[in-house]
Amino acid sequence: MKYYPNSPYKISELNAISHLEQAADPSYYGKVKEVFDDFRIELYEKEPWRILASPWIRPEDIKFYEEIGINTFNLQAGDEEIEGLEDIVNAYIKGSYKGNLINLLRKKPFKTNGYINNDKLDSFLKKIMESPFKTCIFDCGRCGICEEFFKRIGEIDS
């Protein structure tokens, strides 16, 4: 089961993982993973701005990480086939992507159609870095940057 470090279900997921390691029937693993995937999709449907709070780096922002000495990046695909993988890799090689940020994500976070205009996220990382926190503090109730940005640039079809 893949562990999602920024998941709002973090404690429950870690607890489930620890119990699954003891399970005699390996099929439980897949069943529990599906449950947490469903929880995440339901959460993103209710609060779609949380997709901006999940761990991802835009192709345009790679340069900022390189400036502080981070020069190795991993596009995780795992053992799954990812639709449009060649386009995703090319966007990171080019350092830019025009279109829906959701298309760069490994898994689609919504059952319905979602759109986050990647072009309008140019100031997103800067806004976080200029906040009193200087980084994501994983306390969305105190911060509000992701929710504010999503209201301006995101769309979810009902």
Protein backbone atom coordinates (compact mmCIF):
# COMPACT_ATOMS: atom_id res chain seq x y z
CA MET A 1 0.00 0.00 0.00
CA LYS A 2 1.41 3.38 -0.97
CA TYR A 3 1.69 5.79 1.92
CA TYR A 4 0.67 9.40 1.21
CA PRO A 5 2.60 11.65 3.64
CA ASN A 6 0.28 14.64 3.20
CA SER A 7 -2.93 12.69 3.46
CA PRO A 8 -5.51 13.98 5.91
CA TYR A 9 -5.96 10.30 6.76
CA LYS A 10 -2.27 9.89 7.64
CA ILE A 11 -2.73 8.40 11.12
CA SER A 12 -5.41 5.98 9.94
CA GLU A 13 -3.32 4.94 6.93
CA LEU A 14 -0.24 4.29 9.04
CA ASN A 15 -2.33 2.30 11.48
CA ALA A 16 -3.83 0.25 8.65
CA ILE A 17 -0.38 -0.36 7.13
CA SER A 18 0.96 -1.63 10.45
CA HIS A 19 -1.96 -4.04 10.82
CA LEU A 20 -1.74 -5.15 7.20
CA GLU A 21 1.86 -6.18 7.72
CA GLN A 22 0.51 -8.71 10.22
CA ALA A 23 -2.34 -9.92 7.99
CA ALA A 24 -2.33 -13.51 6.83
CA ASP A 25 -4.36 -12.70 3.72
CA PRO A 26 -2.41 -10.39 1.34
CA SER A 27 -5.65 -9.44 -0.47
CA TYR A 28 -6.54 -7.19 2.49
CA TYR A 29 -3.81 -4.87 1.33
CA GLY A 30 -5.60 -3.97 -1.91
CA LYS A 31 -8.98 -3.66 -0.19
CA VAL A 32 -7.70 -1.20 2.40
CA LYS A 33 -5.84 0.80 -0.27
CA GLU A 34 -9.09 1.15 -2.21
CA VAL A 35 -10.85 2.45 0.91
CA PHE A 36 -8.24 5.18 1.46
CA ASP A 37 -8.21 6.06 -2.24
CA ASP A 38 -12.00 6.49 -2.04
CA PHE A 39 -11.64 8.66 1.08
CA ARG A 40 -9.13 10.88 -0.73
CA ILE A 41 -11.32 11.22 -3.83
CA GLU A 42 -14.31 12.09 -1.65
CA LEU A 43 -12.25 14.71 0.21
CA TYR A 44 -10.98 16.28 -3.03
CA GLU A 45 -14.55 16.38 -4.34
CA LYS A 46 -15.69 18.28 -1.22
CA GLU A 47 -12.59 20.46 -0.85
CA PRO A 48 -10.90 20.47 -4.27
CA TRP A 49 -8.39 23.12 -3.23
CA ARG A 50 -6.62 20.40 -1.19
CA ILE A 51 -5.07 19.11 -4.42
CA LEU A 52 -2.83 22.20 -4.27
CA ALA A 53 -1.78 21.14 -0.75
CA SER A 54 -0.65 17.71 -1.94
CA PRO A 55 3.05 17.07 -2.75
CA TRP A 56 3.89 18.03 -6.33
CA ILE A 57 6.31 20.31 -8.15
CA ARG A 58 5.39 22.18 -11.31
CA PRO A 59 7.85 21.89 -14.22
CA GLU A 60 8.26 25.69 -14.06
CA ASP A 61 9.32 25.53 -10.40
CA ILE A 62 12.14 23.00 -10.80
CA LYS A 63 14.58 25.91 -11.26
CA PHE A 64 13.81 27.25 -7.76
CA TYR A 65 14.71 23.91 -6.21
CA GLU A 66 17.89 23.74 -8.30
CA GLU A 67 18.88 27.21 -7.02
CA ILE A 68 18.92 25.86 -3.45
CA GLY A 69 20.96 22.79 -4.40
CA ILE A 70 18.31 20.18 -5.15
CA ASN A 71 19.18 18.77 -8.55
CA THR A 72 17.74 15.26 -8.56
CA PHE A 73 14.03 14.74 -9.11
CA ASN A 74 11.97 11.58 -9.32
CA LEU A 75 8.82 11.30 -11.40
CA GLN A 76 7.12 8.42 -9.65
CA ALA A 77 5.19 6.03 -11.79
CA GLY A 78 5.56 2.91 -9.66
CA ASP A 79 4.42 -0.18 -11.48
CA GLU A 80 1.33 1.48 -12.90
CA GLU A 81 0.89 2.53 -16.50
CA ILE A 82 0.25 6.27 -16.56
CA GLU A 83 -1.78 7.84 -19.30
CA GLY A 84 0.22 10.57 -21.04
CA LEU A 85 3.52 9.68 -19.32
CA GLU A 86 5.56 10.85 -22.33
CA ASP A 87 3.86 14.27 -22.23
CA ILE A 88 4.50 14.53 -18.47
CA VAL A 89 8.20 13.71 -18.85
CA ASN A 90 8.54 16.18 -21.75
CA ALA A 91 6.94 18.95 -19.66
CA TYR A 92 9.56 18.47 -16.94
CA ILE A 93 12.41 18.27 -19.45
CA LYS A 94 11.16 21.47 -21.12
CA GLY A 95 10.51 23.16 -17.77
CA SER A 96 7.04 24.30 -18.73
CA TYR A 97 3.53 23.02 -19.20
CA LYS A 98 0.51 24.73 -20.71
CA GLY A 99 -2.82 23.37 -19.59
CA ASN A 100 -4.43 21.50 -16.73
CA LEU A 101 -2.11 20.81 -13.80
CA ILE A 102 -4.21 17.75 -12.99
CA ASN A 103 -2.87 16.11 -16.16
CA LEU A 104 0.60 16.11 -14.59
CA LEU A 105 -0.53 14.26 -11.48
CA ARG A 106 0.04 10.54 -11.15
CA LYS A 107 -3.55 9.78 -10.27
CA LYS A 108 -6.60 11.80 -11.08
CA PRO A 109 -7.93 13.17 -7.79
CA PHE A 110 -11.56 13.64 -8.84
CA LYS A 111 -14.35 11.43 -10.13
CA THR A 112 -15.71 14.46 -11.97
CA ASN A 113 -13.70 16.69 -14.28
CA GLY A 114 -11.34 19.13 -12.63
CA TYR A 115 -9.24 21.90 -14.09
CA ILE A 116 -6.37 23.82 -12.51
CA ASN A 117 -4.82 26.29 -14.93
CA ASN A 118 -1.08 25.68 -14.60
CA ASP A 119 -0.27 29.05 -16.21
CA LYS A 120 -2.01 30.85 -13.35
CA LEU A 121 0.12 29.12 -10.72
CA ASP A 122 3.25 31.13 -11.54
CA SER A 123 3.05 33.05 -8.26
CA PHE A 124 1.85 30.13 -6.11
CA LEU A 125 5.25 28.96 -4.82
CA LYS A 126 6.36 32.58 -4.30
CA LYS A 127 3.22 33.25 -2.24
CA ILE A 128 4.01 30.28 0.00
CA MET A 129 7.65 31.33 0.39
CA GLU A 130 6.61 34.90 1.29
CA SER A 131 4.04 33.72 3.84
CA PRO A 132 4.89 33.97 7.55
CA PHE A 133 5.43 30.18 7.46
CA LYS A 134 7.96 30.19 4.53
CA THR A 135 6.87 26.65 3.62
CA CYS A 136 3.81 24.44 3.68
CA ILE A 137 3.01 23.86 7.34
CA PHE A 138 0.36 21.20 6.66
CA ASP A 139 -2.12 23.23 8.71
CA CYS A 140 -4.60 24.39 6.09
CA GLY A 141 -6.88 25.99 8.66
CA ARG A 142 -4.17 28.48 9.67
CA CYS A 143 -2.66 29.10 6.23
CA GLY A 144 -5.36 29.26 3.54
CA ILE A 145 -3.06 29.88 0.55
CA CYS A 146 -4.12 26.78 -1.40
CA GLU A 147 -7.81 27.46 -0.86
CA GLU A 148 -7.38 31.11 -1.90
CA PHE A 149 -5.52 30.15 -5.10
CA PHE A 150 -7.96 27.41 -6.04
CA LYS A 151 -10.92 29.80 -5.76
CA ARG A 152 -9.24 32.01 -8.38
CA ILE A 153 -7.94 29.40 -10.81
CA GLY A 154 -9.61 26.02 -10.25
CA GLU A 155 -12.80 24.51 -11.56
CA ILE A 156 -14.65 21.32 -10.75
CA ASP A 157 -17.60 20.11 -12.80
CA SER A 158 -20.51 19.00 -10.67
